[in-house]
Amino acid sequence: DYPGLVGLYFFGDYCSGRIWSVAAAGPSSQEPVELLDTNHSISSFGESEDGELYMTDLGGTLLRVVDSS
Protein backbone atom coordinates (compact mmCIF):
# COMPACT_ATOMS: atom_id res chain seq x y z
CA ASP A 1 0.00 0.00 0.00
CA TYR A 2 2.97 2.37 0.56
CA PRO A 3 5.47 2.21 -2.30
CA GLY A 4 7.58 4.97 -0.67
CA LEU A 5 8.64 2.42 1.97
CA VAL A 6 9.77 -0.24 -0.51
CA GLY A 7 13.52 -0.83 -0.61
CA LEU A 8 14.23 0.75 2.78
CA TYR A 9 15.79 -0.90 5.84
CA PHE A 10 14.14 0.35 9.05
CA PHE A 11 15.61 0.40 12.51
CA GLY A 12 14.68 2.01 15.79
CA ASP A 13 16.08 2.93 19.17
CA TYR A 14 14.45 1.34 22.20
CA CYS A 15 15.36 4.20 24.57
CA SER A 16 14.54 7.25 22.44
CA GLY A 17 11.73 5.77 20.33
CA ARG A 18 13.25 7.18 17.16
CA ILE A 19 12.92 5.37 13.83
CA TRP A 20 15.42 5.69 10.96
CA SER A 21 15.87 4.18 7.52
CA VAL A 22 18.58 3.61 4.94
CA ALA A 23 18.31 2.39 1.36
CA ALA A 24 18.64 -1.40 1.50
CA ALA A 25 20.42 -1.49 -1.86
CA GLY A 26 22.34 1.72 -1.19
CA PRO A 27 26.05 2.21 -0.68
CA SER A 28 27.76 0.57 2.29
CA SER A 29 28.28 4.01 3.84
CA GLN A 30 25.18 6.20 4.04
CA GLU A 31 23.58 8.60 6.50
CA PRO A 32 20.43 7.23 8.13
CA VAL A 33 17.30 9.34 7.65
CA GLU A 34 15.31 9.96 10.82
CA LEU A 35 11.67 9.27 9.98
CA LEU A 36 9.86 9.59 13.27
CA ASP A 37 10.36 10.36 16.95
CA THR A 38 7.87 8.27 18.93
CA ASN A 39 7.15 7.65 22.59
CA HIS A 40 7.36 3.86 22.09
CA SER A 41 9.94 1.46 23.51
CA ILE A 42 10.62 -0.15 20.13
CA SER A 43 11.32 -3.86 20.36
CA SER A 44 10.99 -5.15 16.80
CA PHE A 45 9.94 -4.62 13.20
CA GLY A 46 8.31 -7.24 11.01
CA GLU A 47 6.80 -7.70 7.59
CA SER A 48 3.45 -9.39 6.96
CA GLU A 49 2.83 -11.93 4.20
CA ASP A 50 1.38 -9.16 2.02
CA GLY A 51 4.47 -6.96 2.48
CA GLU A 52 3.15 -4.49 5.06
CA LEU A 53 5.56 -3.24 7.75
CA TYR A 54 4.76 -3.49 11.47
CA MET A 55 6.49 -2.39 14.67
CA THR A 56 6.08 -3.71 18.21
CA ASP A 57 6.91 -2.11 21.51
CA LEU A 58 7.59 -3.59 24.93
CA GLY A 59 4.12 -2.60 26.12
CA GLY A 60 2.66 -5.17 23.73
CA THR A 61 1.43 -2.70 21.11
CA LEU A 62 1.50 -3.73 17.46
CA LEU A 63 1.61 -0.76 15.08
CA ARG A 64 1.40 -0.67 11.29
CA VAL A 65 4.08 1.56 9.76
CA VAL A 66 2.72 3.81 7.00
CA ASP A 67 4.14 6.46 4.68
CA SER A 68 2.82 9.91 5.60
CA SER A 69 3.83 11.56 2.33
PDB file of N, CA and C in Angstrom:
ATOM      1  N   ASP A   1       0.816  -1.210   0.000  1.00  0.00           N
ATOM      2  CA  ASP A   1       0.000   0.000   0.000  1.00  0.00           C
ATOM      3  C   ASP A   1       0.856   1.270   0.000  1.00  0.00           C
ATOM      4  N   TYR A   2       2.115   1.191   0.422  1.00  0.00           N
ATOM      5  CA  TYR A   2       2.969   2.369   0.563  1.00  0.00           C
ATOM      6  C   TYR A   2       4.276   2.171  -0.196  1.00  0.00           C
ATOM      7  N   PRO A   3       4.270   2.453  -1.497  1.00  0.00           N
ATOM      8  CA  PRO A   3       5.470   2.215  -2.305  1.00  0.00           C
ATOM      9  C   PRO A   3       6.671   3.045  -1.867  1.00  0.00           C
ATOM     10  N   GLY A   4       6.466   4.152  -1.153  1.00  0.00           N
ATOM     11  CA  GLY A   4       7.581   4.966  -0.668  1.00  0.00           C
ATOM     12  C   GLY A   4       8.419   4.258   0.379  1.00  0.00           C
ATOM     13  N   LEU A   5       7.906   3.179   0.953  1.00  0.00           N
ATOM     14  CA  LEU A   5       8.637   2.418   1.971  1.00  0.00           C
ATOM     15  C   LEU A   5       9.413   1.242   1.387  1.00  0.00           C
ATOM     16  N   VAL A   6       9.136   0.908   0.131  1.00  0.00           N
ATOM     17  CA  VAL A   6       9.771  -0.238  -0.508  1.00  0.00           C
ATOM     18  C   VAL A   6      11.262   0.040  -0.722  1.00  0.00           C
ATOM     19  N   GLY A   7      12.077  -0.946  -0.394  1.00  0.00           N
ATOM     20  CA  GLY A   7      13.520  -0.826  -0.610  1.00  0.00           C
ATOM     21  C   GLY A   7      14.268  -0.152   0.524  1.00  0.00           C
ATOM     22  N   LEU A   8      13.579   0.127   1.634  1.00  0.00           N
ATOM     23  CA  LEU A   8      14.231   0.750   2.782  1.00  0.00           C
ATOM     24  C   LEU A   8      14.444  -0.276   3.889  1.00  0.00           C
ATOM     25  N   TYR A   9      15.512  -0.102   4.641  1.00  0.00           N
ATOM     26  CA  TYR A   9      15.785  -0.900   5.843  1.00  0.00           C
ATOM     27  C   TYR A   9      15.466   0.002   7.022  1.00  0.00           C
ATOM     28  N   PHE A  10      14.581  -0.445   7.907  1.00  0.00           N
ATOM     29  CA  PHE A  10      14.140   0.346   9.051  1.00  0.00           C
ATOM     30  C   PHE A  10      14.794  -0.150  10.326  1.00  0.00           C
ATOM     31  N   PHE A  11      15.118   0.779  11.195  1.00  0.00           N
ATOM     32  CA  PHE A  11      15.612   0.405  12.510  1.00  0.00           C
ATOM     33  C   PHE A  11      15.214   1.479  13.509  1.00  0.00           C
ATOM     34  N   GLY A  12      15.130   1.087  14.766  1.00  0.00           N
ATOM     35  CA  GLY A  12      14.678   2.011  15.795  1.00  0.00           C
ATOM     36  C   GLY A  12      15.489   1.882  17.059  1.00  0.00           C
ATOM     37  N   ASP A  13      15.373   2.889  17.894  1.00  0.00           N
ATOM     38  CA  ASP A  13      16.078   2.929  19.168  1.00  0.00           C
ATOM     39  C   ASP A  13      15.087   2.715  20.306  1.00  0.00           C
ATOM     40  N   TYR A  14      15.327   1.692  21.086  1.00  0.00           N
ATOM     41  CA  TYR A  14      14.453   1.345  22.199  1.00  0.00           C
ATOM     42  C   TYR A  14      14.313   2.495  23.192  1.00  0.00           C
ATOM     43  N   CYS A  15      15.394   3.152  23.530  1.00  0.00           N
ATOM     44  CA  CYS A  15      15.362   4.195  24.565  1.00  0.00           C
ATOM     45  C   CYS A  15      14.707   5.493  24.093  1.00  0.00           C
ATOM     46  N   SER A  16      15.059   5.961  22.901  1.00  0.00           N
ATOM     47  CA  SER A  16      14.544   7.249  22.436  1.00  0.00           C
ATOM     48  C   SER A  16      13.224   7.121  21.686  1.00  0.00           C
ATOM     49  N   GLY A  17      12.928   5.947  21.137  1.00  0.00           N
ATOM     50  CA  GLY A  17      11.726   5.769  20.335  1.00  0.00           C
ATOM     51  C   GLY A  17      11.864   6.248  18.913  1.00  0.00           C
ATOM     52  N   ARG A  18      13.048   6.677  18.521  1.00  0.00           N
ATOM     53  CA  ARG A  18      13.248   7.182  17.163  1.00  0.00           C
ATOM     54  C   ARG A  18      13.353   6.045  16.152  1.00  0.00           C
ATOM     55  N   ILE A  19      12.870   6.327  14.931  1.00  0.00           N
ATOM     56  CA  ILE A  19      12.916   5.373  13.827  1.00  0.00           C
ATOM     57  C   ILE A  19      13.685   6.013  12.674  1.00  0.00           C
ATOM     58  N   TRP A  20      14.614   5.247  12.091  1.00  0.00           N
ATOM     59  CA  TRP A  20      15.417   5.689  10.957  1.00  0.00           C
ATOM     60  C   TRP A  20      15.285   4.685   9.823  1.00  0.00           C
ATOM     61  N   SER A  21      15.785   5.107   8.649  1.00  0.00           N
ATOM     62  CA  SER A  21      15.871   4.181   7.521  1.00  0.00           C
ATOM     63  C   SER A  21      17.114   4.489   6.702  1.00  0.00           C
ATOM     64  N   VAL A  22      17.545   3.474   5.967  1.00  0.00           N
ATOM     65  CA  VAL A  22      18.583   3.607   4.941  1.00  0.00           C
ATOM     66  C   VAL A  22      18.104   2.808   3.733  1.00  0.00           C
ATOM     67  N   ALA A  23      18.649   3.133   2.573  1.00  0.00           N
ATOM     68  CA  ALA A  23      18.310   2.385   1.359  1.00  0.00           C
ATOM     69  C   ALA A  23      18.950   1.004   1.441  1.00  0.00           C
ATOM     70  N   ALA A  24      18.137  -0.033   1.368  1.00  0.00           N
ATOM     71  CA  ALA A  24      18.642  -1.400   1.503  1.00  0.00           C
ATOM     72  C   ALA A  24      19.668  -1.738   0.429  1.00  0.00           C
ATOM     73  N   ALA A  25      19.486  -1.213  -0.775  1.00  0.00           N
ATOM     74  CA  ALA A  25      20.424  -1.489  -1.862  1.00  0.00           C
ATOM     75  C   ALA A  25      21.398  -0.327  -2.065  1.00  0.00           C
ATOM     76  N   GLY A  26      21.467   0.549  -1.080  1.00  0.00           N
ATOM     77  CA  GLY A  26      22.336   1.717  -1.191  1.00  0.00           C
ATOM     78  C   GLY A  26      23.789   1.385  -0.925  1.00  0.00           C
ATOM     79  N   PRO A  27      24.624   2.420  -0.922  1.00  0.00           N
ATOM     80  CA  PRO A  27      26.049   2.209  -0.676  1.00  0.00           C
ATOM     81  C   PRO A  27      26.296   1.702   0.742  1.00  0.00           C
ATOM     82  N   SER A  28      27.460   1.116   0.969  1.00  0.00           N
ATOM     83  CA  SER A  28      27.765   0.567   2.291  1.00  0.00           C
ATOM     84  C   SER A  28      27.913   1.664   3.338  1.00  0.00           C
ATOM     85  N   SER A  29      28.177   2.879   2.915  1.00  0.00           N
ATOM     86  CA  SER A  29      28.277   4.008   3.835  1.00  0.00           C
ATOM     87  C   SER A  29      27.228   5.042   3.443  1.00  0.00           C
ATOM     88  N   GLN A  30      26.223   5.209   4.293  1.00  0.00           N
ATOM     89  CA  GLN A  30      25.181   6.195   4.039  1.00  0.00           C
ATOM     90  C   GLN A  30      24.644   6.744   5.349  1.00  0.00           C
ATOM     91  N   GLU A  31      24.151   7.965   5.316  1.00  0.00           N
ATOM     92  CA  GLU A  31      23.580   8.603   6.497  1.00  0.00           C
ATOM     93  C   GLU A  31      22.148   8.124   6.688  1.00  0.00           C
ATOM     94  N   PRO A  32      21.817   7.604   7.864  1.00  0.00           N
ATOM     95  CA  PRO A  32      20.428   7.231   8.126  1.00  0.00           C
ATOM     96  C   PRO A  32      19.531   8.469   8.103  1.00  0.00           C
ATOM     97  N   VAL A  33      18.298   8.279   7.672  1.00  0.00           N
ATOM     98  CA  VAL A  33      17.303   9.337   7.651  1.00  0.00           C
ATOM     99  C   VAL A  33      16.355   9.110   8.814  1.00  0.00           C
ATOM    100  N   GLU A  34      16.254  10.094   9.710  1.00  0.00           N
ATOM    101  CA  GLU A  34      15.308   9.960  10.820  1.00  0.00           C
ATOM    102  C   GLU A  34      13.909  10.192  10.286  1.00  0.00           C
ATOM    103  N   LEU A  35      13.029   9.209  10.501  1.00  0.00           N
ATOM    104  CA  LEU A  35      11.671   9.272   9.978  1.00  0.00           C
ATOM    105  C   LEU A  35      10.663   9.736  11.009  1.00  0.00           C
ATOM    106  N   LEU A  36      10.883   9.337  12.265  1.00  0.00           N
ATOM    107  CA  LEU A  36       9.862   9.593  13.271  1.00  0.00           C
ATOM    108  C   LEU A  36      10.464   9.528  14.661  1.00  0.00           C
ATOM    109  N   ASP A  37       9.984  10.379  15.535  1.00  0.00           N
ATOM    110  CA  ASP A  37      10.359  10.360  16.951  1.00  0.00           C
ATOM    111  C   ASP A  37       9.101   9.982  17.724  1.00  0.00           C
ATOM    112  N   THR A  38       9.071   8.778  18.266  1.00  0.00           N
ATOM    113  CA  THR A  38       7.870   8.274  18.932  1.00  0.00           C
ATOM    114  C   THR A  38       8.084   8.215  20.445  1.00  0.00           C
ATOM    115  N   ASN A  39       7.036   7.881  21.155  1.00  0.00           N
ATOM    116  CA  ASN A  39       7.145   7.653  22.595  1.00  0.00           C
ATOM    117  C   ASN A  39       7.087   6.157  22.920  1.00  0.00           C
ATOM    118  N   HIS A  40       7.402   5.319  21.915  1.00  0.00           N
ATOM    119  CA  HIS A  40       7.358   3.865  22.090  1.00  0.00           C
ATOM    120  C   HIS A  40       8.731   3.300  22.440  1.00  0.00           C
ATOM    121  N   SER A  41       8.729   2.233  23.229  1.00  0.00           N
ATOM    122  CA  SER A  41       9.944   1.463  23.507  1.00  0.00           C
ATOM    123  C   SER A  41      10.023   0.373  22.448  1.00  0.00           C
ATOM    124  N   ILE A  42      10.621   0.712  21.309  1.00  0.00           N
ATOM    125  CA  ILE A  42      10.618  -0.151  20.128  1.00  0.00           C
ATOM    126  C   ILE A  42      11.356  -1.457  20.419  1.00  0.00           C
ATOM    127  N   SER A  43      10.671  -2.565  20.139  1.00  0.00           N
ATOM    128  CA  SER A  43      11.319  -3.860  20.362  1.00  0.00           C
ATOM    129  C   SER A  43      11.580  -4.626  19.073  1.00  0.00           C
ATOM    130  N   SER A  44      10.788  -4.384  18.026  1.00  0.00           N
ATOM    131  CA  SER A  44      10.987  -5.155  16.803  1.00  0.00           C
ATOM    132  C   SER A  44      10.212  -4.556  15.633  1.00  0.00           C
ATOM    133  N   PHE A  45      10.666  -4.900  14.431  1.00  0.00           N
ATOM    134  CA  PHE A  45       9.938  -4.616  13.196  1.00  0.00           C
ATOM    135  C   PHE A  45       9.679  -5.952  12.521  1.00  0.00           C
ATOM    136  N   GLY A  46       8.610  -6.019  11.749  1.00  0.00           N
ATOM    137  CA  GLY A  46       8.313  -7.239  11.012  1.00  0.00           C
ATOM    138  C   GLY A  46       7.507  -6.928   9.773  1.00  0.00           C
ATOM    139  N   GLU A  47       7.524  -7.861   8.841  1.00  0.00           N
ATOM    140  CA  GLU A  47       6.798  -7.703   7.587  1.00  0.00           C
ATOM    141  C   GLU A  47       5.746  -8.797   7.480  1.00  0.00           C
ATOM    142  N   SER A  48       4.531  -8.407   7.115  1.00  0.00           N
ATOM    143  CA  SER A  48       3.449  -9.386   6.956  1.00  0.00           C
ATOM    144  C   SER A  48       3.593 -10.121   5.623  1.00  0.00           C
ATOM    145  N   GLU A  49       2.791 -11.154   5.436  1.00  0.00           N
ATOM    146  CA  GLU A  49       2.833 -11.929   4.199  1.00  0.00           C
ATOM    147  C   GLU A  49       2.528 -11.073   2.972  1.00  0.00           C
ATOM    148  N   ASP A  50       1.720 -10.017   3.163  1.00  0.00           N
ATOM    149  CA  ASP A  50       1.381  -9.159   2.022  1.00  0.00           C
ATOM    150  C   ASP A  50       2.315  -7.952   1.900  1.00  0.00           C
ATOM    151  N   GLY A  51       3.437  -7.968   2.641  1.00  0.00           N
ATOM    152  CA  GLY A  51       4.474  -6.959   2.481  1.00  0.00           C
ATOM    153  C   GLY A  51       4.310  -5.702   3.309  1.00  0.00           C
ATOM    154  N   GLU A  52       3.329  -5.660   4.214  1.00  0.00           N
ATOM    155  CA  GLU A  52       3.146  -4.489   5.063  1.00  0.00           C
ATOM    156  C   GLU A  52       4.127  -4.537   6.235  1.00  0.00           C
ATOM    157  N   LEU A  53       4.575  -3.351   6.686  1.00  0.00           N
ATOM    158  CA  LEU A  53       5.563  -3.241   7.751  1.00  0.00           C
ATOM    159  C   LEU A  53       4.878  -2.959   9.076  1.00  0.00           C
ATOM    160  N   TYR A  54       5.308  -3.667  10.127  1.00  0.00           N
ATOM    161  CA  TYR A  54       4.763  -3.490  11.473  1.00  0.00           C
ATOM    162  C   TYR A  54       5.891  -3.278  12.470  1.00  0.00           C
ATOM    163  N   MET A  55       5.547  -2.632  13.578  1.00  0.00           N
ATOM    164  CA  MET A  55       6.488  -2.394  14.667  1.00  0.00           C
ATOM    165  C   MET A  55       5.815  -2.823  15.972  1.00  0.00           C
ATOM    166  N   THR A  56       6.592  -3.377  16.880  1.00  0.00           N
ATOM    167  CA  THR A  56       6.079  -3.707  18.207  1.00  0.00           C
ATOM    168  C   THR A  56       6.864  -2.930  19.254  1.00  0.00           C
ATOM    169  N   ASP A  57       6.198  -2.711  20.387  1.00  0.00           N
ATOM    170  CA  ASP A  57       6.911  -2.108  21.512  1.00  0.00           C
ATOM    171  C   ASP A  57       6.790  -3.015  22.722  1.00  0.00           C
ATOM    172  N   LEU A  58       7.563  -2.710  23.755  1.00  0.00           N
ATOM    173  CA  LEU A  58       7.591  -3.594  24.933  1.00  0.00           C
ATOM    174  C   LEU A  58       6.301  -3.579  25.729  1.00  0.00           C
ATOM    175  N   GLY A  59       5.422  -2.625  25.467  1.00  0.00           N
ATOM    176  CA  GLY A  59       4.119  -2.595  26.120  1.00  0.00           C
ATOM    177  C   GLY A  59       3.122  -3.545  25.487  1.00  0.00           C
ATOM    178  N   GLY A  60       3.530  -4.214  24.398  1.00  0.00           N
ATOM    179  CA  GLY A  60       2.663  -5.167  23.730  1.00  0.00           C
ATOM    180  C   GLY A  60       1.867  -4.581  22.578  1.00  0.00           C
ATOM    181  N   THR A  61       2.153  -3.342  22.203  1.00  0.00           N
ATOM    182  CA  THR A  61       1.433  -2.696  21.114  1.00  0.00           C
ATOM    183  C   THR A  61       2.017  -3.111  19.767  1.00  0.00           C
ATOM    184  N   LEU A  62       1.125  -3.432  18.830  1.00  0.00           N
ATOM    185  CA  LEU A  62       1.496  -3.733  17.459  1.00  0.00           C
ATOM    186  C   LEU A  62       1.022  -2.571  16.597  1.00  0.00           C
ATOM    187  N   LEU A  63       1.936  -1.940  15.880  1.00  0.00           N
ATOM    188  CA  LEU A  63       1.614  -0.759  15.076  1.00  0.00           C
ATOM    189  C   LEU A  63       1.969  -0.997  13.616  1.00  0.00           C
ATOM    190  N   ARG A  64       1.106  -0.601  12.723  1.00  0.00           N
ATOM    191  CA  ARG A  64       1.396  -0.667  11.292  1.00  0.00           C
ATOM    192  C   ARG A  64       2.168   0.600  10.911  1.00  0.00           C
ATOM    193  N   VAL A  65       3.264   0.436  10.200  1.00  0.00           N
ATOM    194  CA  VAL A  65       4.076   1.563   9.759  1.00  0.00           C
ATOM    195  C   VAL A  65       3.574   1.989   8.392  1.00  0.00           C
ATOM    196  N   VAL A  66       3.253   3.288   8.252  1.00  0.00           N
ATOM    197  CA  VAL A  66       2.715   3.812   7.001  1.00  0.00           C
ATOM    198  C   VAL A  66       3.575   4.995   6.537  1.00  0.00           C
ATOM    199  N   ASP A  67       3.442   5.323   5.279  1.00  0.00           N
ATOM    200  CA  ASP A  67       4.143   6.465   4.685  1.00  0.00           C
ATOM    201  C   ASP A  67       3.223   7.676   4.775  1.00  0.00           C
ATOM    202  N   SER A  68       3.667   8.731   5.418  1.00  0.00           N
ATOM    203  CA  SER A  68       2.823   9.910   5.602  1.00  0.00           C
ATOM    204  C   SER A  68       2.878  10.888   4.443  1.00  0.00           C
ATOM    205  N   SER A  69       3.730  10.608   3.453  1.00  0.00           N
ATOM    206  CA  SER A  69       3.826  11.557   2.335  1.00  0.00           C
ATOM    207  C   SER A  69       2.819  11.274   1.255  1.00  0.00           C
TER     208      SER A  69
END
